[in-house]
Amino acid sequence: MQVTPTPVLKLIDEFSRLPGVGPKTASRLTFYLLRNPADRAVALADALRELHEKVLFCSQCFNITETDPCPVCSDEHRSQSIICVVEEPLDVLAIERTRDYHGLYHVLHGVIAPVEGIGPEDLRVAELVERVRSKGDEVREIIIATNPNLEGEATAMYIARQFQGGAVKITRLARGLPVGGDLEYADEITLSRALSGRSEM
């Protein structure tokens, strides 16, 4: 005999498919929605539906947007000579929060991860190469802002090789000690990069 109603089990199952959501969290979310007024669940359902109906990828940078091209690509006040390459749309948000970057973006939608069967052809690398080529001499610098892990490094090196020998300057985000961090807790690689990337005071 099934004690839990089928719609409840179905929602728990769907929630548990989300990254970082285990069966217990999925159950808590489901019963939270069940306890609250129906309009809250309807609002969630509407938001999920609109996510796929109204959000698309920019044809130039592949960031998420409601209009094509996206607000960043269509902003005439942003520098057209610099492109920051990131892994995911969330990385664009993180960089935008600094308010220090005023160039364009290119979102790869992942990194090279052979163990997971993800190669360069699964990313938006070819589109980046074509984008830079089509702009001629307009693009002067590409900032590679992939994460400082094995996959991010492999992806950064692959992208850099695509532009080897060209006129475009390839740079990598500086890495070092986090603000508020203690030297004694920093690993050797972070300390080494902090030393080599030191700047004059």
Protein backbone atom coordinates (compact mmCIF):
# COMPACT_ATOMS: atom_id res chain seq x y z
CA MET A 1 0.00 0.00 0.00
CA GLN A 2 1.36 3.42 -1.04
CA VAL A 3 1.03 5.89 1.85
CA THR A 4 2.39 9.00 0.07
CA PRO A 5 0.27 10.39 -2.79
CA THR A 6 1.75 9.99 -6.27
CA PRO A 7 1.96 13.79 -7.04
CA VAL A 8 4.04 14.27 -3.85
CA LEU A 9 6.41 11.42 -4.79
CA LYS A 10 6.69 12.80 -8.31
CA LEU A 11 7.69 16.29 -7.09
CA ILE A 12 10.19 14.84 -4.60
CA ASP A 13 11.72 12.86 -7.46
CA GLU A 14 11.94 15.97 -9.68
CA PHE A 15 13.52 18.10 -6.92
CA SER A 16 16.07 15.36 -6.16
CA ARG A 17 17.28 15.54 -9.78
CA LEU A 18 18.54 19.07 -9.15
CA PRO A 19 22.27 19.46 -8.40
CA GLY A 20 23.03 19.55 -4.67
CA VAL A 21 19.52 18.45 -3.71
CA GLY A 22 19.34 15.10 -1.96
CA PRO A 23 16.20 13.08 -1.10
CA LYS A 24 15.78 14.77 2.33
CA THR A 25 16.03 18.30 0.93
CA ALA A 26 13.70 17.34 -1.93
CA SER A 27 11.16 16.08 0.61
CA ARG A 28 11.45 19.25 2.70
CA LEU A 29 10.89 21.45 -0.36
CA THR A 30 7.89 19.41 -1.46
CA PHE A 31 6.20 19.48 1.95
CA TYR A 32 6.99 23.20 2.30
CA LEU A 33 5.04 23.85 -0.91
CA LEU A 34 2.27 21.56 0.27
CA ARG A 35 1.89 23.47 3.59
CA ASN A 36 1.83 26.90 1.97
CA PRO A 37 -0.98 28.56 0.00
CA ALA A 38 -1.52 27.19 -3.51
CA ASP A 39 -0.58 30.54 -5.09
CA ARG A 40 3.03 30.04 -3.98
CA ALA A 41 3.24 26.73 -5.86
CA VAL A 42 1.53 28.30 -8.88
CA ALA A 43 4.04 31.18 -8.85
CA LEU A 44 6.90 28.65 -8.80
CA ALA A 45 5.34 26.72 -11.68
CA ASP A 46 4.90 29.96 -13.67
CA ALA A 47 8.53 30.95 -13.04
CA LEU A 48 9.74 27.54 -14.22
CA ARG A 49 7.61 27.73 -17.36
CA GLU A 50 8.82 31.26 -18.18
CA LEU A 51 12.42 30.12 -17.68
CA HIS A 52 12.21 28.07 -20.86
CA GLU A 53 9.71 30.20 -22.74
CA LYS A 54 11.41 33.58 -22.33
CA VAL A 55 15.11 32.94 -21.61
CA LEU A 56 17.42 32.25 -24.55
CA PHE A 57 21.12 32.35 -25.38
CA CYS A 58 22.65 35.46 -26.91
CA SER A 59 23.79 34.65 -30.45
CA GLN A 60 27.03 36.58 -29.90
CA CYS A 61 28.28 35.77 -26.38
CA PHE A 62 25.99 32.82 -25.44
CA ASN A 63 25.04 34.36 -22.12
CA ILE A 64 21.43 33.96 -20.98
CA THR A 65 19.13 36.77 -22.04
CA GLU A 66 15.57 37.77 -22.91
CA THR A 67 16.66 39.73 -25.99
CA ASP A 68 19.11 38.88 -28.77
CA PRO A 69 21.70 40.32 -28.73
CA CYS A 70 21.91 40.56 -24.94
CA PRO A 71 22.13 43.92 -23.09
CA VAL A 72 25.93 43.58 -22.71
CA CYS A 73 26.60 42.88 -26.40
CA SER A 74 24.26 45.67 -27.51
CA ASP A 75 25.70 48.25 -25.07
CA GLU A 76 27.66 50.74 -27.19
CA HIS A 77 29.43 52.11 -24.11
CA ARG A 78 31.22 48.81 -23.43
CA SER A 79 34.66 48.23 -24.92
CA GLN A 80 34.46 46.08 -28.06
CA SER A 81 38.20 45.39 -27.98
CA ILE A 82 38.22 43.02 -24.98
CA ILE A 83 36.40 39.72 -24.43
CA CYS A 84 36.29 37.92 -21.10
CA VAL A 85 35.83 34.15 -21.53
CA VAL A 86 33.95 32.45 -18.68
CA GLU A 87 32.63 28.95 -18.00
CA GLU A 88 29.00 29.70 -17.06
CA PRO A 89 26.45 32.56 -17.03
CA LEU A 90 26.87 32.77 -13.23
CA ASP A 91 30.49 33.84 -13.81
CA VAL A 92 29.26 36.83 -15.81
CA LEU A 93 27.16 37.91 -12.82
CA ALA A 94 30.17 37.54 -10.48
CA ILE A 95 32.40 39.71 -12.68
CA GLU A 96 29.65 42.29 -13.26
CA ARG A 97 29.26 42.67 -9.48
CA THR A 98 32.82 44.05 -9.30
CA ARG A 99 31.80 46.98 -11.55
CA ASP A 100 35.43 47.03 -12.76
CA TYR A 101 35.03 45.27 -16.11
CA HIS A 102 33.56 47.13 -19.07
CA GLY A 103 34.26 44.80 -21.99
CA LEU A 104 32.32 41.94 -23.59
CA TYR A 105 31.90 38.30 -22.55
CA HIS A 106 31.92 34.87 -24.11
CA VAL A 107 30.28 32.01 -22.19
CA LEU A 108 31.65 28.51 -22.89
CA HIS A 109 28.90 26.59 -21.04
CA GLY A 110 31.36 24.20 -19.42
CA VAL A 111 34.99 23.16 -19.47
CA ILE A 112 37.03 20.43 -21.12
CA ALA A 113 36.54 17.34 -18.92
CA PRO A 114 37.65 14.12 -20.67
CA VAL A 115 36.53 11.97 -17.70
CA GLU A 116 32.97 13.20 -18.25
CA GLY A 117 33.28 12.94 -22.02
CA ILE A 118 33.31 16.72 -22.57
CA GLY A 119 35.69 17.90 -25.28
CA PRO A 120 36.33 21.30 -26.90
CA GLU A 121 33.68 20.55 -29.53
CA ASP A 122 31.05 20.44 -26.76
CA LEU A 123 31.85 24.01 -25.71
CA ARG A 124 31.47 27.36 -27.46
CA VAL A 125 35.18 27.58 -28.37
CA ALA A 126 34.67 27.41 -32.15
CA GLU A 127 32.16 30.26 -31.86
CA LEU A 128 34.73 32.32 -29.92
CA VAL A 129 37.37 31.78 -32.61
CA GLU A 130 34.89 32.73 -35.34
CA ARG A 131 33.70 35.76 -33.37
CA VAL A 132 37.24 37.11 -32.97
CA ARG A 133 38.09 36.34 -36.60
CA SER A 134 34.97 38.11 -37.90
CA LYS A 135 35.80 41.28 -35.91
CA GLY A 136 39.20 41.62 -37.60
CA ASP A 137 41.56 43.85 -35.61
CA GLU A 138 38.80 45.14 -33.32
CA VAL A 139 39.46 42.55 -30.57
CA ARG A 140 42.82 43.27 -28.94
CA GLU A 141 42.60 41.15 -25.76
CA ILE A 142 40.96 37.95 -24.57
CA ILE A 143 40.82 37.43 -20.80
CA ILE A 144 40.48 33.77 -19.91
CA ALA A 145 38.52 33.59 -16.66
CA THR A 146 38.00 29.85 -16.25
CA ASN A 147 38.22 28.37 -12.75
CA PRO A 148 41.72 27.64 -11.39
CA ASN A 149 41.28 23.85 -11.34
CA LEU A 150 42.49 21.07 -13.64
CA GLU A 151 39.60 21.36 -16.08
CA GLY A 152 39.70 25.16 -16.08
CA GLU A 153 43.45 25.17 -16.73
CA ALA A 154 43.12 22.64 -19.57
CA THR A 155 40.37 24.73 -21.14
CA ALA A 156 42.41 27.94 -20.76
CA MET A 157 45.42 26.33 -22.43
CA TYR A 158 43.30 24.99 -25.29
CA ILE A 159 41.77 28.43 -25.94
CA ALA A 160 45.19 30.12 -25.78
CA ARG A 161 46.49 27.67 -28.41
CA GLN A 162 43.65 28.64 -30.78
CA PHE A 163 44.99 32.20 -30.89
CA GLN A 164 48.71 31.39 -30.82
CA GLY A 165 50.73 33.50 -33.22
CA GLY A 166 47.90 35.96 -33.73
CA ALA A 167 47.67 39.65 -32.89
CA VAL A 168 45.22 39.13 -30.02
CA LYS A 169 46.71 39.38 -26.53
CA ILE A 170 45.69 36.42 -24.31
CA THR A 171 45.60 37.06 -20.55
CA ARG A 172 44.53 35.00 -17.54
CA LEU A 173 42.88 36.27 -14.36
CA ALA A 174 45.42 36.82 -11.60
CA ARG A 175 45.27 34.34 -8.73
CA GLY A 176 46.52 34.65 -5.21
CA LEU A 177 45.48 35.12 -1.60
CA PRO A 178 41.86 35.89 -0.76
CA VAL A 179 41.10 39.05 1.19
CA GLY A 180 40.89 38.18 4.88
CA GLY A 181 42.84 34.93 4.43
CA ASP A 182 45.78 33.84 6.58
CA LEU A 183 49.14 32.92 5.02
CA GLU A 184 49.46 29.85 7.24
CA TYR A 185 46.32 28.31 5.70
CA ALA A 186 47.21 29.01 2.05
CA ASP A 187 48.39 26.09 -0.07
CA GLU A 188 51.76 26.14 -1.85
CA ILE A 189 50.34 26.77 -5.33
CA THR A 190 48.25 29.74 -4.17
CA LEU A 191 51.23 31.23 -2.32
CA SER A 192 53.51 30.68 -5.30
CA ARG A 193 51.05 32.43 -7.64
CA ALA A 194 50.55 35.25 -5.14
CA LEU A 195 54.32 35.80 -5.07
CA SER A 196 54.76 35.69 -8.84
CA GLY A 197 51.75 37.98 -9.38
CA ARG A 198 52.83 40.55 -6.78
CA SER A 199 52.38 44.23 -7.64
CA GLU A 200 54.17 47.41 -6.63
CA MET A 201 52.70 49.40 -3.71
